[in-house]
N, C-alpha and C. Protein backbone atom coordinates (compact mmCIF):
# COMPACT_ATOMS: atom_id res chain seq x y z
N MET A 1 4.68 -22.87 42.15
CA MET A 1 3.66 -21.90 42.47
C MET A 1 4.27 -20.51 42.66
N ALA A 2 5.38 -20.44 43.35
CA ALA A 2 6.04 -19.16 43.57
C ALA A 2 6.53 -18.56 42.26
N ARG A 3 6.98 -19.42 41.34
CA ARG A 3 7.44 -18.94 40.03
C ARG A 3 6.29 -18.31 39.25
N GLN A 4 5.11 -18.94 39.30
CA GLN A 4 3.95 -18.39 38.61
C GLN A 4 3.57 -17.03 39.19
N THR A 5 3.60 -16.92 40.48
CA THR A 5 3.27 -15.66 41.13
C THR A 5 4.25 -14.57 40.71
N ILE A 6 5.52 -14.91 40.68
CA ILE A 6 6.54 -13.94 40.28
C ILE A 6 6.36 -13.56 38.81
N LEU A 7 6.08 -14.55 37.98
CA LEU A 7 5.89 -14.30 36.55
C LEU A 7 4.69 -13.38 36.30
N PHE A 8 3.55 -13.71 36.91
CA PHE A 8 2.36 -12.87 36.72
C PHE A 8 2.55 -11.49 37.36
N GLY A 9 3.22 -11.44 38.48
CA GLY A 9 3.50 -10.15 39.12
C GLY A 9 4.38 -9.27 38.25
N SER A 10 5.38 -9.88 37.62
CA SER A 10 6.28 -9.14 36.73
C SER A 10 5.53 -8.62 35.51
N ALA A 11 4.68 -9.47 34.93
CA ALA A 11 3.90 -9.04 33.77
C ALA A 11 2.97 -7.89 34.13
N PHE A 12 2.32 -7.98 35.28
CA PHE A 12 1.43 -6.91 35.74
C PHE A 12 2.22 -5.63 35.95
N LEU A 13 3.38 -5.73 36.56
CA LEU A 13 4.20 -4.55 36.82
C LEU A 13 4.63 -3.88 35.52
N CYS A 14 4.96 -4.68 34.50
CA CYS A 14 5.34 -4.11 33.20
C CYS A 14 4.18 -3.33 32.58
N LEU A 15 2.98 -3.85 32.72
CA LEU A 15 1.81 -3.16 32.17
C LEU A 15 1.52 -1.87 32.91
N VAL A 16 1.76 -1.85 34.19
CA VAL A 16 1.48 -0.67 35.00
C VAL A 16 2.55 0.40 34.80
N VAL A 17 3.79 -0.01 34.66
CA VAL A 17 4.90 0.94 34.55
C VAL A 17 4.99 1.53 33.15
N HIS A 18 4.55 0.83 32.12
CA HIS A 18 4.70 1.30 30.74
C HIS A 18 4.15 2.71 30.50
N PRO A 19 2.94 3.07 30.98
CA PRO A 19 2.47 4.43 30.74
C PRO A 19 3.36 5.49 31.40
N ALA A 20 4.06 5.13 32.44
CA ALA A 20 4.94 6.09 33.10
C ALA A 20 6.17 6.41 32.27
N LEU A 21 6.44 5.63 31.25
CA LEU A 21 7.61 5.85 30.41
C LEU A 21 7.36 6.92 29.35
N ALA A 22 6.16 7.43 29.25
CA ALA A 22 5.85 8.46 28.26
C ALA A 22 6.63 9.73 28.57
N GLY A 23 6.91 10.51 27.53
CA GLY A 23 7.66 11.74 27.69
C GLY A 23 6.79 12.84 28.27
N PRO A 24 7.39 14.03 28.44
CA PRO A 24 6.67 15.13 29.09
C PRO A 24 5.50 15.71 28.29
N CYS A 25 5.46 15.48 26.99
CA CYS A 25 4.34 16.04 26.23
C CYS A 25 3.72 15.03 25.27
N THR A 26 3.75 13.77 25.64
CA THR A 26 3.16 12.73 24.79
C THR A 26 1.68 12.95 24.53
N PRO A 27 0.86 13.32 25.53
CA PRO A 27 -0.57 13.54 25.23
C PRO A 27 -0.80 14.68 24.23
N GLU A 28 0.01 15.74 24.32
CA GLU A 28 -0.14 16.86 23.38
C GLU A 28 0.25 16.42 21.97
N ILE A 29 1.28 15.58 21.87
CA ILE A 29 1.70 15.07 20.56
C ILE A 29 0.59 14.21 19.97
N ASP A 30 -0.03 13.38 20.80
CA ASP A 30 -1.13 12.53 20.31
C ASP A 30 -2.29 13.38 19.80
N ARG A 31 -2.63 14.45 20.50
CA ARG A 31 -3.71 15.33 20.06
C ARG A 31 -3.34 16.03 18.75
N ALA A 32 -2.08 16.49 18.66
CA ALA A 32 -1.63 17.16 17.44
C ALA A 32 -1.63 16.19 16.26
N GLN A 33 -1.23 14.95 16.51
CA GLN A 33 -1.23 13.94 15.44
C GLN A 33 -2.65 13.71 14.93
N ALA A 34 -3.61 13.66 15.83
CA ALA A 34 -5.00 13.47 15.43
C ALA A 34 -5.48 14.64 14.57
N GLN A 35 -5.07 15.87 14.93
CA GLN A 35 -5.46 17.04 14.14
C GLN A 35 -4.83 16.99 12.75
N VAL A 36 -3.55 16.60 12.69
CA VAL A 36 -2.87 16.50 11.39
C VAL A 36 -3.53 15.42 10.54
N ASP A 37 -3.84 14.28 11.15
CA ASP A 37 -4.49 13.20 10.41
C ASP A 37 -5.85 13.64 9.86
N THR A 38 -6.61 14.37 10.66
CA THR A 38 -7.91 14.87 10.22
C THR A 38 -7.73 15.81 9.03
N ARG A 39 -6.75 16.68 9.14
CA ARG A 39 -6.48 17.64 8.06
C ARG A 39 -6.06 16.91 6.78
N LEU A 40 -5.19 15.90 6.93
CA LEU A 40 -4.74 15.15 5.76
C LEU A 40 -5.89 14.41 5.10
N ASP A 41 -6.76 13.84 5.91
CA ASP A 41 -7.93 13.15 5.34
C ASP A 41 -8.82 14.11 4.58
N ALA A 42 -9.04 15.28 5.15
CA ALA A 42 -9.90 16.28 4.49
C ALA A 42 -9.26 16.76 3.18
N MET A 43 -7.96 17.00 3.22
CA MET A 43 -7.27 17.47 2.01
C MET A 43 -7.25 16.40 0.94
N ALA A 44 -7.07 15.16 1.33
CA ALA A 44 -7.01 14.07 0.36
C ALA A 44 -8.34 13.92 -0.37
N GLY A 45 -9.43 14.12 0.35
CA GLY A 45 -10.74 13.98 -0.27
C GLY A 45 -11.15 15.17 -1.10
N ALA A 46 -10.59 16.34 -0.82
CA ALA A 46 -11.02 17.55 -1.50
C ALA A 46 -10.11 17.99 -2.64
N GLY A 47 -8.90 17.46 -2.66
CA GLY A 47 -7.92 17.92 -3.64
C GLY A 47 -8.13 17.35 -5.03
N PRO A 48 -7.33 17.85 -5.97
CA PRO A 48 -7.42 17.33 -7.33
C PRO A 48 -6.89 15.90 -7.40
N THR A 49 -7.29 15.21 -8.43
CA THR A 49 -6.82 13.83 -8.60
C THR A 49 -5.75 13.78 -9.67
N GLY A 50 -4.89 12.80 -9.56
CA GLY A 50 -3.86 12.59 -10.55
C GLY A 50 -4.08 11.26 -11.22
N THR A 51 -3.26 10.96 -12.21
CA THR A 51 -3.38 9.68 -12.90
C THR A 51 -2.65 8.61 -12.11
N GLU A 52 -3.11 7.38 -12.23
CA GLU A 52 -2.45 6.27 -11.55
C GLU A 52 -1.12 5.96 -12.22
N SER A 53 -0.15 5.65 -11.40
CA SER A 53 1.15 5.26 -11.94
C SER A 53 1.11 3.80 -12.37
N LYS A 54 2.14 3.38 -13.08
CA LYS A 54 2.21 1.98 -13.49
C LYS A 54 2.31 1.07 -12.26
N ALA A 55 3.02 1.52 -11.24
CA ALA A 55 3.14 0.73 -10.01
C ALA A 55 1.78 0.52 -9.37
N ALA A 56 0.94 1.54 -9.40
CA ALA A 56 -0.40 1.40 -8.81
C ALA A 56 -1.23 0.40 -9.59
N LEU A 57 -1.04 0.36 -10.88
CA LEU A 57 -1.79 -0.59 -11.70
C LEU A 57 -1.32 -2.03 -11.49
N LEU A 58 -0.13 -2.19 -10.92
CA LEU A 58 0.40 -3.52 -10.63
C LEU A 58 0.05 -3.96 -9.20
N ARG A 59 -0.89 -3.25 -8.59
CA ARG A 59 -1.38 -3.57 -7.25
C ARG A 59 -0.33 -3.39 -6.16
N ARG A 60 0.59 -2.49 -6.35
CA ARG A 60 1.58 -2.18 -5.32
C ARG A 60 1.01 -1.10 -4.41
N GLN A 61 1.27 -1.24 -3.13
CA GLN A 61 0.78 -0.27 -2.16
C GLN A 61 1.66 0.98 -2.20
N PRO A 62 1.06 2.16 -2.11
CA PRO A 62 1.86 3.38 -2.10
C PRO A 62 2.60 3.53 -0.77
N THR A 63 3.75 4.15 -0.83
CA THR A 63 4.50 4.47 0.37
C THR A 63 4.20 5.91 0.75
N PRO A 64 4.45 6.30 1.99
CA PRO A 64 4.26 7.71 2.34
C PRO A 64 5.06 8.65 1.44
N ALA A 65 6.26 8.23 1.06
CA ALA A 65 7.09 9.08 0.20
C ALA A 65 6.47 9.23 -1.19
N SER A 66 5.91 8.14 -1.73
CA SER A 66 5.32 8.24 -3.06
C SER A 66 4.03 9.06 -3.03
N ILE A 67 3.29 8.97 -1.94
CA ILE A 67 2.08 9.78 -1.80
C ILE A 67 2.46 11.26 -1.71
N ALA A 68 3.49 11.56 -0.91
CA ALA A 68 3.94 12.95 -0.76
C ALA A 68 4.43 13.50 -2.10
N ALA A 69 5.15 12.68 -2.86
CA ALA A 69 5.64 13.13 -4.16
C ALA A 69 4.49 13.42 -5.12
N ALA A 70 3.48 12.57 -5.12
CA ALA A 70 2.31 12.78 -5.99
C ALA A 70 1.56 14.04 -5.57
N GLU A 71 1.40 14.25 -4.27
CA GLU A 71 0.70 15.45 -3.81
C GLU A 71 1.49 16.71 -4.15
N GLN A 72 2.81 16.61 -4.07
CA GLN A 72 3.64 17.77 -4.41
C GLN A 72 3.46 18.14 -5.88
N LYS A 73 3.37 17.14 -6.73
CA LYS A 73 3.16 17.41 -8.16
C LYS A 73 1.83 18.11 -8.40
N LEU A 74 0.85 17.81 -7.54
CA LEU A 74 -0.47 18.43 -7.67
C LEU A 74 -0.56 19.76 -6.91
N GLY A 75 0.54 20.16 -6.26
CA GLY A 75 0.56 21.42 -5.53
C GLY A 75 -0.10 21.34 -4.16
N GLU A 76 -0.14 20.17 -3.58
CA GLU A 76 -0.76 20.00 -2.26
C GLU A 76 0.30 19.65 -1.23
N GLY A 77 -0.10 19.76 0.03
CA GLY A 77 0.67 19.18 1.10
C GLY A 77 1.74 20.02 1.75
N LYS A 78 1.93 21.27 1.37
CA LYS A 78 2.99 22.07 1.97
C LYS A 78 2.79 22.26 3.48
N PRO A 79 1.65 22.78 3.93
CA PRO A 79 1.47 22.95 5.38
C PRO A 79 1.46 21.62 6.12
N GLU A 80 0.88 20.62 5.51
CA GLU A 80 0.80 19.31 6.15
C GLU A 80 2.18 18.70 6.29
N GLU A 81 3.02 18.91 5.26
CA GLU A 81 4.40 18.42 5.29
C GLU A 81 5.15 19.07 6.45
N ALA A 82 4.97 20.38 6.60
CA ALA A 82 5.63 21.10 7.69
C ALA A 82 5.12 20.60 9.04
N ALA A 83 3.84 20.32 9.13
CA ALA A 83 3.27 19.82 10.39
C ALA A 83 3.83 18.45 10.73
N LEU A 84 3.97 17.58 9.74
CA LEU A 84 4.52 16.25 9.99
C LEU A 84 5.99 16.33 10.41
N ALA A 85 6.74 17.22 9.79
CA ALA A 85 8.15 17.39 10.17
C ALA A 85 8.25 17.91 11.60
N ALA A 86 7.40 18.85 11.96
CA ALA A 86 7.41 19.39 13.32
C ALA A 86 6.98 18.32 14.32
N LEU A 87 6.04 17.47 13.95
CA LEU A 87 5.64 16.37 14.83
C LEU A 87 6.80 15.41 15.07
N ALA A 88 7.59 15.16 14.05
CA ALA A 88 8.76 14.30 14.21
C ALA A 88 9.75 14.93 15.19
N ARG A 89 9.95 16.25 15.09
CA ARG A 89 10.84 16.94 16.03
C ARG A 89 10.27 16.89 17.44
N ALA A 90 8.96 17.03 17.56
CA ALA A 90 8.32 16.97 18.88
C ALA A 90 8.50 15.59 19.50
N ARG A 91 8.36 14.55 18.70
CA ARG A 91 8.55 13.19 19.22
C ARG A 91 9.98 12.96 19.67
N ALA A 92 10.95 13.47 18.90
CA ALA A 92 12.36 13.33 19.28
C ALA A 92 12.64 14.06 20.59
N ALA A 93 12.11 15.27 20.71
CA ALA A 93 12.31 16.04 21.95
C ALA A 93 11.62 15.35 23.12
N ASP A 94 10.44 14.81 22.89
CA ASP A 94 9.69 14.11 23.93
C ASP A 94 10.45 12.88 24.40
N ALA A 95 11.04 12.15 23.47
CA ALA A 95 11.78 10.95 23.82
C ALA A 95 13.01 11.26 24.66
N SER A 96 13.59 12.43 24.43
CA SER A 96 14.77 12.81 25.22
C SER A 96 14.41 13.60 26.47
N GLY A 97 13.11 13.81 26.70
CA GLY A 97 12.67 14.52 27.90
C GLY A 97 12.79 16.03 27.82
N ASP A 98 12.94 16.56 26.61
CA ASP A 98 13.10 18.00 26.40
C ASP A 98 11.73 18.66 26.23
N LYS A 99 11.14 19.09 27.34
CA LYS A 99 9.80 19.69 27.32
C LYS A 99 9.78 20.98 26.50
N GLY A 100 10.80 21.82 26.65
CA GLY A 100 10.85 23.08 25.90
C GLY A 100 10.92 22.85 24.40
N GLY A 101 11.77 21.93 23.96
CA GLY A 101 11.88 21.61 22.55
C GLY A 101 10.61 21.01 21.99
N CYS A 102 9.96 20.22 22.82
CA CYS A 102 8.70 19.60 22.41
C CYS A 102 7.61 20.67 22.24
N ASP A 103 7.52 21.57 23.21
CA ASP A 103 6.53 22.65 23.13
C ASP A 103 6.77 23.53 21.91
N GLU A 104 8.03 23.81 21.63
CA GLU A 104 8.38 24.63 20.46
C GLU A 104 7.96 23.94 19.16
N ALA A 105 8.22 22.65 19.07
CA ALA A 105 7.84 21.90 17.87
C ALA A 105 6.32 21.83 17.72
N LEU A 106 5.61 21.67 18.84
CA LEU A 106 4.14 21.63 18.78
C LEU A 106 3.56 22.98 18.36
N THR A 107 4.22 24.06 18.73
CA THR A 107 3.81 25.39 18.27
C THR A 107 3.93 25.48 16.75
N LEU A 108 5.01 24.89 16.21
CA LEU A 108 5.18 24.88 14.75
C LEU A 108 4.10 24.04 14.07
N VAL A 109 3.68 22.96 14.72
CA VAL A 109 2.60 22.14 14.17
C VAL A 109 1.33 22.97 14.08
N ARG A 110 1.01 23.68 15.15
CA ARG A 110 -0.22 24.52 15.16
C ARG A 110 -0.16 25.61 14.10
N LYS A 111 1.02 26.23 13.93
CA LYS A 111 1.17 27.27 12.91
C LYS A 111 0.98 26.69 11.51
N ALA A 112 1.52 25.51 11.27
CA ALA A 112 1.37 24.89 9.96
C ALA A 112 -0.08 24.55 9.68
N LEU A 113 -0.79 24.09 10.70
CA LEU A 113 -2.21 23.74 10.51
C LEU A 113 -3.09 24.98 10.34
N ALA A 114 -2.62 26.12 10.82
CA ALA A 114 -3.39 27.36 10.70
C ALA A 114 -3.31 27.94 9.29
N GLN A 115 -2.37 27.48 8.49
CA GLN A 115 -2.20 28.02 7.11
C GLN A 115 -3.31 27.56 6.21
């Protein structure tokens, strides 16, 4: 009985402590990611279309790199690419607890989205 109590108590404690492990600007990164995702969805629906590759015809799923390469060929994705790179820097700074670096990277995300 005591083992069960300790086990359930430990599991509960892990669930409660997990949100406290977030970095100094995790909520801002999540909001910025949502904005970038919205922008990418809008651009994907509005942009020009390209021809399907042979890999696509073989029912292979596209990778982010292959999608980015196809968009680059069509002249799309420059600001979005910069925003995604800045988000990656923001996440790295957030993981190391660098609030200043995170804020700086998030500023770059906003500038890229403003283009």
